[in-house]
N, C-alpha and C. Protein backbone atom coordinates (compact mmCIF):
# COMPACT_ATOMS: atom_id res chain seq x y z
N UNK A 1 3.69 -8.11 -17.39
CA UNK A 1 4.40 -8.69 -16.15
C UNK A 1 5.75 -9.59 -16.39
N UNK A 2 5.29 -10.33 -17.13
CA UNK A 2 6.74 -11.56 -16.89
C UNK A 2 7.60 -10.44 -18.22
N UNK A 3 7.17 -9.66 -19.06
CA UNK A 3 7.96 -9.36 -20.13
C UNK A 3 8.70 -7.88 -19.33
N UNK A 4 8.00 -7.45 -18.28
CA UNK A 4 8.40 -6.12 -17.48
C UNK A 4 9.52 -6.76 -16.63
N UNK A 5 9.32 -7.73 -16.03
CA UNK A 5 10.19 -8.35 -15.03
C UNK A 5 11.41 -8.77 -15.90
N UNK A 6 11.37 -9.15 -17.25
CA UNK A 6 12.67 -9.65 -17.90
C UNK A 6 13.43 -8.30 -18.63
N UNK A 7 12.62 -7.24 -18.80
CA UNK A 7 13.12 -5.95 -19.12
C UNK A 7 14.43 -5.32 -18.24
N UNK A 8 13.94 -5.58 -16.73
CA UNK A 8 14.22 -4.98 -15.60
C UNK A 8 15.31 -6.21 -15.09
N UNK A 9 15.65 -7.07 -15.74
CA UNK A 9 16.76 -7.92 -15.72
C UNK A 9 16.38 -8.84 -14.66
N UNK A 10 15.20 -9.27 -14.29
CA UNK A 10 14.93 -9.82 -12.92
C UNK A 10 15.05 -11.48 -13.49
N UNK A 11 15.27 -12.16 -12.21
CA UNK A 11 15.19 -13.77 -12.58
C UNK A 11 14.05 -14.37 -11.90
N UNK A 12 13.28 -14.78 -13.13
CA UNK A 12 11.89 -15.30 -12.74
C UNK A 12 11.85 -16.73 -12.28
N UNK A 13 11.18 -16.98 -11.21
CA UNK A 13 10.69 -17.84 -10.29
C UNK A 13 9.65 -18.32 -10.44
N UNK A 14 8.69 -17.66 -10.67
CA UNK A 14 6.96 -18.54 -10.88
C UNK A 14 6.19 -17.25 -11.46
N UNK A 15 5.10 -17.65 -11.84
CA UNK A 15 4.29 -16.82 -12.31
C UNK A 15 2.68 -17.53 -11.93
N UNK A 16 1.85 -16.55 -11.64
CA UNK A 16 0.44 -16.83 -11.26
C UNK A 16 -0.16 -15.79 -11.37
N UNK A 17 -1.42 -16.02 -12.38
CA UNK A 17 -2.48 -15.04 -12.39
C UNK A 17 -3.95 -15.46 -12.16
N UNK A 18 -4.79 -14.50 -12.09
CA UNK A 18 -6.32 -15.24 -11.59
C UNK A 18 -7.06 -14.26 -12.25
N UNK A 19 -7.81 -14.64 -13.33
CA UNK A 19 -8.82 -14.01 -14.19
C UNK A 19 -10.16 -14.07 -13.29
N UNK A 20 -10.54 -12.83 -13.07
CA UNK A 20 -12.01 -12.63 -12.40
C UNK A 20 -13.33 -12.52 -13.37
N UNK A 21 -14.48 -12.84 -12.83
CA UNK A 21 -15.40 -13.11 -13.56
C UNK A 21 -16.64 -11.86 -13.46
N UNK A 22 -17.00 -10.99 -13.77
CA UNK A 22 -16.70 -10.85 -15.17
C UNK A 22 -15.44 -9.72 -15.54
N UNK A 23 -14.68 -9.33 -14.86
CA UNK A 23 -13.64 -8.65 -15.35
C UNK A 23 -12.53 -8.44 -14.34
N UNK A 24 -11.24 -8.34 -14.49
CA UNK A 24 -10.00 -8.15 -13.50
C UNK A 24 -9.36 -9.18 -13.74
N UNK A 25 -8.03 -8.87 -13.36
CA UNK A 25 -6.84 -9.77 -13.11
C UNK A 25 -5.96 -9.29 -12.03
N UNK A 26 -5.54 -10.41 -11.32
CA UNK A 26 -4.86 -10.05 -10.17
C UNK A 26 -3.55 -11.39 -10.35
N UNK A 27 -2.25 -10.87 -10.16
CA UNK A 27 -1.25 -11.95 -10.48
C UNK A 27 -0.18 -11.44 -9.73
N UNK A 28 0.91 -12.24 -9.55
CA UNK A 28 2.13 -12.05 -9.30
C UNK A 28 3.30 -12.69 -10.17
N UNK A 29 4.37 -12.32 -10.24
CA UNK A 29 5.81 -13.11 -10.77
C UNK A 29 6.57 -12.81 -9.89
N UNK A 30 6.88 -13.89 -9.54
CA UNK A 30 7.80 -14.22 -8.61
C UNK A 30 9.13 -14.25 -8.95
N UNK A 31 10.04 -13.08 -8.33
CA UNK A 31 11.45 -13.24 -8.81
C UNK A 31 12.41 -13.58 -7.81
N UNK A 32 13.60 -13.90 -8.18
CA UNK A 32 14.58 -14.17 -7.21
C UNK A 32 14.98 -12.87 -6.30
N UNK A 33 14.55 -12.09 -7.12
CA UNK A 33 15.04 -10.80 -6.10
C UNK A 33 13.79 -9.97 -5.36
N UNK A 34 12.59 -10.65 -5.53
CA UNK A 34 11.25 -10.42 -4.42
C UNK A 34 9.99 -10.92 -5.52
N UNK A 35 9.57 -9.83 -6.08
CA UNK A 35 7.89 -10.01 -7.10
C UNK A 35 7.58 -8.85 -7.67
N UNK A 36 6.97 -8.92 -8.45
CA UNK A 36 5.54 -7.88 -9.36
C UNK A 36 4.65 -8.20 -8.94
N UNK A 37 3.43 -7.38 -8.57
CA UNK A 37 2.33 -7.98 -8.92
C UNK A 37 1.21 -6.81 -9.45
N UNK A 38 0.25 -7.51 -9.90
CA UNK A 38 -0.80 -6.76 -10.34
C UNK A 38 -2.21 -6.96 -9.80
N UNK A 39 -2.94 -5.94 -9.59
CA UNK A 39 -4.61 -5.96 -9.61
C UNK A 39 -5.24 -5.35 -10.35
N UNK A 40 -6.41 -5.71 -11.07
CA UNK A 40 -6.93 -4.39 -12.01
C UNK A 40 -8.20 -4.61 -11.95
N UNK A 41 -8.64 -3.22 -11.96
CA UNK A 41 -9.91 -2.93 -12.12
C UNK A 41 -10.73 -2.28 -13.46
N UNK A 42 -10.67 -3.00 -14.45
CA UNK A 42 -10.97 -2.27 -16.08
C UNK A 42 -12.10 -1.56 -15.89
N UNK A 43 -13.21 -2.06 -15.16
CA UNK A 43 -14.19 -1.13 -15.30
C UNK A 43 -14.10 0.14 -14.90
N UNK A 44 -13.00 0.43 -14.14
CA UNK A 44 -12.38 2.23 -13.81
C UNK A 44 -11.32 2.26 -14.53
N UNK A 45 -10.79 1.46 -15.49
CA UNK A 45 -9.58 2.09 -16.05
C UNK A 45 -8.10 2.10 -15.34
N UNK A 46 -8.05 0.99 -14.32
CA UNK A 46 -7.25 1.15 -13.17
C UNK A 46 -6.31 0.03 -12.94
N UNK A 47 -5.04 0.00 -12.55
CA UNK A 47 -4.45 -1.08 -12.07
C UNK A 47 -3.49 -0.48 -11.37
N UNK A 48 -3.32 -1.60 -10.17
CA UNK A 48 -2.19 -1.41 -9.33
C UNK A 48 -1.08 -2.12 -9.40
N UNK A 49 -0.02 -1.62 -9.36
CA UNK A 49 0.89 -2.56 -9.59
C UNK A 49 2.13 -2.37 -8.17
N UNK A 50 2.62 -3.27 -8.06
CA UNK A 50 3.99 -3.25 -6.72
C UNK A 50 5.22 -4.03 -7.68
N UNK A 51 6.34 -3.40 -7.68
CA UNK A 51 7.56 -3.94 -8.12
C UNK A 51 8.56 -3.94 -6.78
N UNK A 52 8.44 -5.12 -6.23
CA UNK A 52 9.32 -5.28 -4.82
C UNK A 52 10.53 -6.08 -5.30
N UNK A 53 11.70 -5.02 -5.02
CA UNK A 53 13.02 -5.64 -5.28
C UNK A 53 13.98 -5.73 -4.21
N UNK A 54 15.14 -6.26 -4.49
CA UNK A 54 16.28 -6.32 -3.71
C UNK A 54 17.66 -6.51 -4.56
N UNK A 55 18.69 -5.95 -4.40
CA UNK A 55 19.87 -6.07 -4.99
C UNK A 55 20.14 -4.97 -5.91
N UNK A 56 21.43 -5.09 -6.62
CA UNK A 56 21.69 -4.01 -7.25
C UNK A 56 21.70 -4.31 -8.63
N UNK A 57 21.33 -5.15 -9.40
CA UNK A 57 21.36 -5.81 -10.51
C UNK A 57 20.19 -5.54 -11.30
N UNK A 58 18.83 -5.53 -10.86
CA UNK A 58 17.30 -5.27 -11.41
C UNK A 58 17.24 -3.83 -11.01
N UNK A 59 16.39 -3.38 -12.39
CA UNK A 59 16.32 -2.35 -12.54
C UNK A 59 14.62 -2.04 -12.03
N UNK A 60 14.14 -1.79 -11.13
CA UNK A 60 12.49 -1.71 -11.08
C UNK A 60 12.00 -0.16 -11.91
N UNK A 61 12.71 0.63 -12.09
CA UNK A 61 12.11 1.76 -12.98
C UNK A 61 12.00 1.41 -14.63
N UNK A 62 12.87 0.28 -15.00
CA UNK A 62 12.87 -0.11 -16.30
C UNK A 62 11.34 -0.70 -16.34
N UNK A 63 11.33 -1.71 -15.55
CA UNK A 63 9.93 -2.26 -15.27
C UNK A 63 8.95 -1.51 -15.27
N UNK A 64 8.69 -0.23 -14.40
CA UNK A 64 7.62 0.51 -14.29
C UNK A 64 7.77 1.22 -15.58
N UNK A 65 8.41 1.84 -16.18
CA UNK A 65 8.40 2.24 -17.42
C UNK A 65 7.71 1.67 -18.49
N UNK A 66 8.44 0.21 -18.42
CA UNK A 66 7.66 -0.55 -19.64
C UNK A 66 6.12 -0.95 -19.31
N UNK A 67 5.60 -1.03 -18.11
CA UNK A 67 4.41 -0.93 -17.79
C UNK A 67 3.39 0.00 -18.10
N UNK A 68 3.76 1.08 -18.03
CA UNK A 68 3.45 2.68 -18.15
C UNK A 68 3.13 2.63 -19.56
N UNK A 69 4.12 2.15 -20.66
CA UNK A 69 3.90 2.31 -22.07
C UNK A 69 3.19 1.25 -22.56
N UNK A 70 2.95 0.18 -22.05
CA UNK A 70 2.37 -1.33 -22.61
C UNK A 70 1.08 -0.84 -22.23
N UNK A 71 0.96 -0.40 -20.87
CA UNK A 71 -0.63 -0.31 -20.45
C UNK A 71 -1.15 0.95 -21.14
N UNK A 72 -0.25 1.74 -21.73
CA UNK A 72 -0.56 3.46 -22.26
C UNK A 72 -1.49 4.17 -21.23
N UNK A 73 -0.50 4.28 -19.86
CA UNK A 73 -1.08 4.52 -19.03
C UNK A 73 -1.35 6.36 -19.05
N UNK A 74 -2.52 6.94 -18.74
CA UNK A 74 -2.69 8.39 -19.34
C UNK A 74 -2.29 9.13 -18.03
N UNK A 75 -2.27 8.41 -16.72
CA UNK A 75 -1.90 8.95 -15.46
C UNK A 75 -1.12 8.32 -14.54
N UNK A 76 0.03 8.04 -15.07
CA UNK A 76 0.68 7.26 -14.07
C UNK A 76 1.38 7.82 -12.68
N UNK A 77 1.03 7.08 -11.84
CA UNK A 77 1.70 7.39 -10.53
C UNK A 77 2.90 6.47 -9.90
N UNK A 78 4.12 6.91 -9.49
CA UNK A 78 5.03 6.27 -9.14
C UNK A 78 5.45 6.46 -7.83
N UNK A 79 5.20 5.57 -6.64
CA UNK A 79 5.97 5.89 -5.41
C UNK A 79 6.68 4.95 -5.07
N UNK A 80 8.26 5.69 -4.92
CA UNK A 80 9.37 4.87 -4.32
C UNK A 80 9.28 4.59 -2.58
N UNK A 81 9.22 3.27 -2.21
CA UNK A 81 9.75 3.29 -0.83
C UNK A 81 10.72 2.34 -0.30
N UNK A 82 11.83 3.10 0.31
CA UNK A 82 12.96 2.59 1.06
C UNK A 82 12.24 1.41 1.42
N UNK A 83 12.88 0.10 1.74
CA UNK A 83 12.27 -0.87 2.82
C UNK A 83 13.61 -1.55 3.45
N UNK A 84 13.37 -2.41 4.56
CA UNK A 84 14.14 -2.91 5.09
C UNK A 84 15.29 -2.29 5.99
N UNK A 85 16.58 -2.59 6.25
CA UNK A 85 17.60 -2.24 6.87
C UNK A 85 17.97 -0.95 5.82
N UNK A 86 18.03 0.18 6.51
CA UNK A 86 18.65 1.47 5.63
C UNK A 86 19.60 2.03 6.58
N UNK A 87 20.51 2.54 5.50
CA UNK A 87 21.71 3.18 6.17
C UNK A 87 21.35 4.89 6.76
N UNK A 88 21.61 5.07 7.87
CA UNK A 88 21.43 6.57 8.57
C UNK A 88 22.28 7.52 7.64
N UNK A 89 23.49 6.66 7.41
CA UNK A 89 24.67 7.77 6.45
C UNK A 89 24.80 7.80 5.32
N UNK A 90 23.80 7.06 4.31
CA UNK A 90 23.61 6.79 3.24
C UNK A 90 24.71 6.09 2.64
N UNK A 91 25.07 5.31 3.23
CA UNK A 91 26.11 4.24 2.52
C UNK A 91 25.50 2.88 2.69
N UNK A 92 26.18 2.24 1.35
CA UNK A 92 25.77 1.08 0.94
C UNK A 92 25.91 0.18 2.07
N UNK A 93 24.83 -0.99 2.43
CA UNK A 93 24.82 -1.89 3.43
C UNK A 93 24.92 -3.13 2.65
N UNK A 94 25.57 -4.06 3.38
CA UNK A 94 25.62 -5.48 2.76
C UNK A 94 24.38 -6.34 2.24
N UNK A 95 24.44 -6.82 1.18
CA UNK A 95 23.00 -7.51 0.64
C UNK A 95 22.68 -8.48 1.96
N UNK A 96 23.22 -9.10 2.33
CA UNK A 96 22.91 -10.39 3.24
C UNK A 96 23.64 -9.71 4.79
N UNK A 97 23.34 -10.35 5.76
CA UNK A 97 23.85 -9.72 7.11
C UNK A 97 25.10 -10.58 7.31
N UNK A 98 24.99 -11.65 6.72
CA UNK A 98 26.58 -12.69 7.06
C UNK A 98 27.69 -12.10 6.27
N UNK A 99 27.42 -11.30 5.29
CA UNK A 99 28.29 -10.70 4.55
C UNK A 99 29.01 -9.55 5.38
N UNK A 100 28.78 -9.08 6.45
CA UNK A 100 28.97 -7.70 7.00
C UNK A 100 29.82 -8.67 8.25
N UNK A 101 30.07 -9.80 8.33
CA UNK A 101 30.69 -10.30 9.32
C UNK A 101 29.71 -10.79 10.63
N UNK A 102 28.32 -10.36 10.48
CA UNK A 102 27.56 -10.70 11.98
C UNK A 102 27.33 -11.96 11.89
N UNK A 103 27.20 -12.59 13.12
CA UNK A 103 26.71 -13.98 13.34
C UNK A 103 25.33 -13.99 13.98
N UNK A 104 24.60 -15.30 13.58
CA UNK A 104 23.01 -15.46 14.11
C UNK A 104 23.32 -15.99 15.55
N UNK A 105 22.50 -15.56 16.36
CA UNK A 105 22.21 -15.80 17.79
C UNK A 105 21.00 -16.76 18.02
N UNK A 106 21.00 -17.87 18.54
CA UNK A 106 19.59 -18.15 18.74
C UNK A 106 19.57 -18.41 20.14
C-alpha cells in the first residue's frame, strides 16, 4: 500500500496496519491528499481497497494498477466515484473554497 501511494505520487503522512488472528489485514496509508485503505479476507482470496484522493497531482489509477499487479488479482473491479463539490458544467472547480474568493461566515 505504501509503494502504491508512492507510485501514485502521493504525500505519505502516516501508516497503520493491523493483522488479525488467524488471518486478514486491515490498514490505512494516510496521505496529504486523503488516504488508501485495505481490508483483506485471505480465506476467500478477496481484498477491498479504497483510494480516496483530491487534487491534480496524485494519480489514483496508477496506485490501483500497481496493486492489481502486485496482488496478482484475477478479477479486479474498479469503481470510480466523484465526491465533494462537483461542477454541473464539467468545469474545473477551485481546490479550496477560499481560492474562489468565497468568505466563510460564522
